[in-house]
Amino acid sequence: MKKTALALLMTTILTQPIMAQNMIDGSNVDDVLNIAKGYGAATLELNDEGKPAIRGRIEGNAYYLAFQNCSSATACEDFFLQAYFINPVVDYELINKWNYNERWTKVYYDGDLDAVLEMDFNMNGGVSVKNFDQAFSIWSQMLEEFFDDFLTKKKN
């Protein structure tokens, strides 16, 4: 019985680094930046509050990734992605339809009446690299769909 417990303990200890390599969290913003770069141009910066942020482009569409709930400049629990569309003429009915039908993103008008596409992502406790990459894939798809389809359906 002792050999079985020892074998289980050794298996757990030896596989932890392998499992950890397949996980990503907000403790290293460079990991997030590297995945963002897989979808297009992306640069890391610090915002006015000293929190890390990423400015990027996917298929020519600009976005902003803001890290949140940070205990230091490189350890954050979650973030949100945003894309702004300056002075669009978009029917509120279409915004409501988008928000009703789309599961992962929301659209709203900000105080300057710019349309904002937004998506939140929780990294607290870590997520698999595959899951994180999938989230960026969804963002990329929603950004393209919103830009190409939604903004062309302007109210006449």
Protein backbone atom coordinates (compact mmCIF):
# COMPACT_ATOMS: atom_id res chain seq x y z
CA MET A 1 0.00 0.00 0.00
CA LYS A 2 2.86 2.35 0.77
CA LYS A 3 4.29 1.84 -2.72
CA THR A 4 0.97 2.83 -4.29
CA ALA A 5 0.73 6.01 -2.22
CA LEU A 6 4.36 6.87 -3.00
CA ALA A 7 3.82 6.23 -6.71
CA LEU A 8 0.72 8.45 -6.68
CA LEU A 9 2.61 11.20 -4.86
CA MET A 10 5.53 11.01 -7.29
CA THR A 11 3.19 11.08 -10.29
CA THR A 12 1.48 14.17 -8.88
CA ILE A 13 4.77 15.94 -8.19
CA LEU A 14 6.30 15.07 -11.56
CA THR A 15 3.27 16.05 -13.63
CA GLN A 16 2.61 19.41 -11.94
CA PRO A 17 5.18 21.34 -14.00
CA ILE A 18 3.80 19.82 -17.20
CA MET A 19 0.25 20.75 -16.26
CA ALA A 20 1.33 24.25 -15.18
CA GLN A 21 2.93 24.83 -18.57
CA ASN A 22 -0.48 24.33 -20.20
CA MET A 23 -2.13 26.92 -17.95
CA ILE A 24 -2.18 30.69 -18.20
CA ASP A 25 -3.27 33.29 -15.69
CA GLY A 26 -2.89 37.00 -15.20
CA SER A 27 0.38 36.73 -13.29
CA ASN A 28 2.39 37.09 -16.49
CA VAL A 29 0.97 39.62 -18.93
CA ASP A 30 3.60 38.57 -21.48
CA ASP A 31 1.73 35.25 -21.89
CA VAL A 32 -1.44 37.17 -22.70
CA LEU A 33 0.48 39.43 -25.08
CA ASN A 34 1.97 36.45 -26.93
CA ILE A 35 -1.45 34.93 -27.54
CA ALA A 36 -2.80 38.32 -28.65
CA LYS A 37 0.08 38.58 -31.13
CA GLY A 38 -1.09 35.31 -32.66
CA TYR A 39 -4.16 37.19 -33.91
CA GLY A 40 -2.42 40.32 -35.20
CA ALA A 41 -0.38 43.29 -34.07
CA ALA A 42 -0.34 43.83 -30.29
CA THR A 43 1.72 45.98 -27.95
CA LEU A 44 1.91 46.11 -24.16
CA GLU A 45 1.61 49.41 -22.32
CA LEU A 46 0.67 50.75 -18.90
CA ASN A 47 -2.54 52.73 -18.56
CA ASP A 48 -2.94 55.91 -16.49
CA GLU A 49 -3.43 53.83 -13.33
CA GLY A 50 -0.23 51.84 -13.91
CA LYS A 51 -2.13 48.70 -14.90
CA PRO A 52 -0.99 46.72 -17.94
CA ALA A 53 -2.99 47.05 -21.13
CA ILE A 54 -2.66 45.80 -24.67
CA ARG A 55 -3.48 47.71 -27.83
CA GLY A 56 -3.95 45.51 -30.83
CA ARG A 57 -5.40 45.04 -34.29
CA ILE A 58 -7.16 42.02 -35.71
CA GLU A 59 -7.78 42.14 -39.45
CA GLY A 60 -7.30 45.91 -39.30
CA ASN A 61 -9.84 46.40 -36.48
CA ALA A 62 -8.36 48.10 -33.41
CA TYR A 63 -9.08 46.83 -29.90
CA TYR A 64 -7.97 47.51 -26.35
CA LEU A 65 -7.39 44.89 -23.64
CA ALA A 66 -7.49 46.29 -20.09
CA PHE A 67 -6.29 44.14 -17.20
CA GLN A 68 -8.34 44.39 -14.01
CA ASN A 69 -8.08 43.41 -10.33
CA CYS A 70 -4.29 43.62 -10.35
CA SER A 71 -2.24 43.10 -7.20
CA SER A 72 0.84 44.41 -9.03
CA ALA A 73 1.72 45.70 -12.48
CA THR A 74 1.98 42.11 -13.75
CA ALA A 75 -0.47 40.08 -11.62
CA CYS A 76 -4.09 40.51 -12.65
CA GLU A 77 -7.17 38.32 -12.25
CA ASP A 78 -9.21 39.32 -15.26
CA PHE A 79 -9.48 41.68 -18.20
CA PHE A 80 -11.90 43.08 -20.69
CA LEU A 81 -11.56 43.61 -24.41
CA GLN A 82 -13.06 46.67 -26.07
CA ALA A 83 -13.37 48.04 -29.57
CA TYR A 84 -14.68 51.54 -30.19
CA PHE A 85 -16.45 52.71 -33.30
CA ILE A 86 -16.49 56.50 -33.43
CA ASN A 87 -19.79 58.22 -34.21
CA PRO A 88 -21.55 55.32 -35.88
CA VAL A 89 -25.16 55.67 -36.88
CA VAL A 90 -26.45 52.37 -35.53
CA ASP A 91 -30.07 51.71 -34.70
CA TYR A 92 -30.70 50.95 -31.02
CA GLU A 93 -32.91 48.08 -32.15
CA LEU A 94 -29.86 46.44 -33.75
CA ILE A 95 -27.87 46.90 -30.54
CA ASN A 96 -30.65 45.26 -28.55
CA LYS A 97 -30.81 42.41 -31.06
CA TRP A 98 -27.03 41.91 -30.84
CA ASN A 99 -27.09 41.86 -27.04
CA TYR A 100 -30.00 39.43 -27.03
CA ASN A 101 -28.46 37.02 -29.56
CA GLU A 102 -24.74 37.16 -28.79
CA ARG A 103 -23.55 35.20 -25.78
CA TRP A 104 -19.94 36.35 -25.44
CA THR A 105 -19.99 40.06 -26.21
CA LYS A 106 -22.13 43.09 -25.57
CA VAL A 107 -22.55 46.34 -27.44
CA TYR A 108 -23.49 49.72 -26.04
CA TYR A 109 -23.16 53.43 -26.71
CA ASP A 110 -20.69 55.22 -24.44
CA GLY A 111 -21.01 58.81 -23.16
CA ASP A 112 -19.65 60.16 -26.46
CA LEU A 113 -22.19 58.09 -28.43
CA ASP A 114 -19.47 55.83 -29.81
CA ALA A 115 -20.45 52.19 -30.22
CA VAL A 116 -18.44 49.91 -27.94
CA LEU A 117 -18.05 46.18 -28.41
CA GLU A 118 -16.93 44.54 -25.16
CA MET A 119 -16.02 41.08 -23.85
CA ASP A 120 -14.96 40.11 -20.31
CA PHE A 121 -12.60 37.26 -19.45
CA ASN A 122 -11.85 35.79 -16.02
CA MET A 123 -8.37 34.35 -15.48
CA ASN A 124 -8.55 34.02 -11.69
CA GLY A 125 -7.02 30.65 -10.80
CA GLY A 126 -5.78 30.13 -14.34
CA VAL A 127 -7.24 28.69 -17.51
CA SER A 128 -5.82 26.35 -20.09
CA VAL A 129 -3.87 27.92 -22.93
CA LYS A 130 -6.34 26.25 -25.29
CA ASN A 131 -9.29 27.87 -23.50
CA PHE A 132 -7.60 31.26 -23.53
CA ASP A 133 -6.76 30.97 -27.21
CA GLN A 134 -10.40 30.03 -27.87
CA ALA A 135 -11.52 33.19 -26.07
CA PHE A 136 -9.32 35.27 -28.37
CA SER A 137 -10.71 33.38 -31.34
CA ILE A 138 -14.25 34.28 -30.24
CA TRP A 139 -13.20 37.92 -29.78
CA SER A 140 -11.66 37.95 -33.25
CA GLN A 141 -14.83 36.51 -34.76
CA MET A 142 -17.14 38.90 -32.89
CA LEU A 143 -14.97 41.90 -33.77
CA GLU A 144 -15.03 41.02 -37.45
CA GLU A 145 -18.76 40.25 -37.42
CA PHE A 146 -19.58 43.48 -35.64
CA PHE A 147 -17.41 45.59 -37.92
CA ASP A 148 -18.38 43.94 -41.20
CA ASP A 149 -22.02 43.16 -40.64
CA PHE A 150 -23.42 45.21 -37.77
CA LEU A 151 -21.97 48.58 -38.73
CA THR A 152 -23.12 48.22 -42.32
CA LYS A 153 -26.74 47.84 -41.18
CA LYS A 154 -27.09 51.50 -40.31
CA LYS A 155 -30.46 53.11 -39.93
CA ASN A 156 -31.43 55.09 -43.03
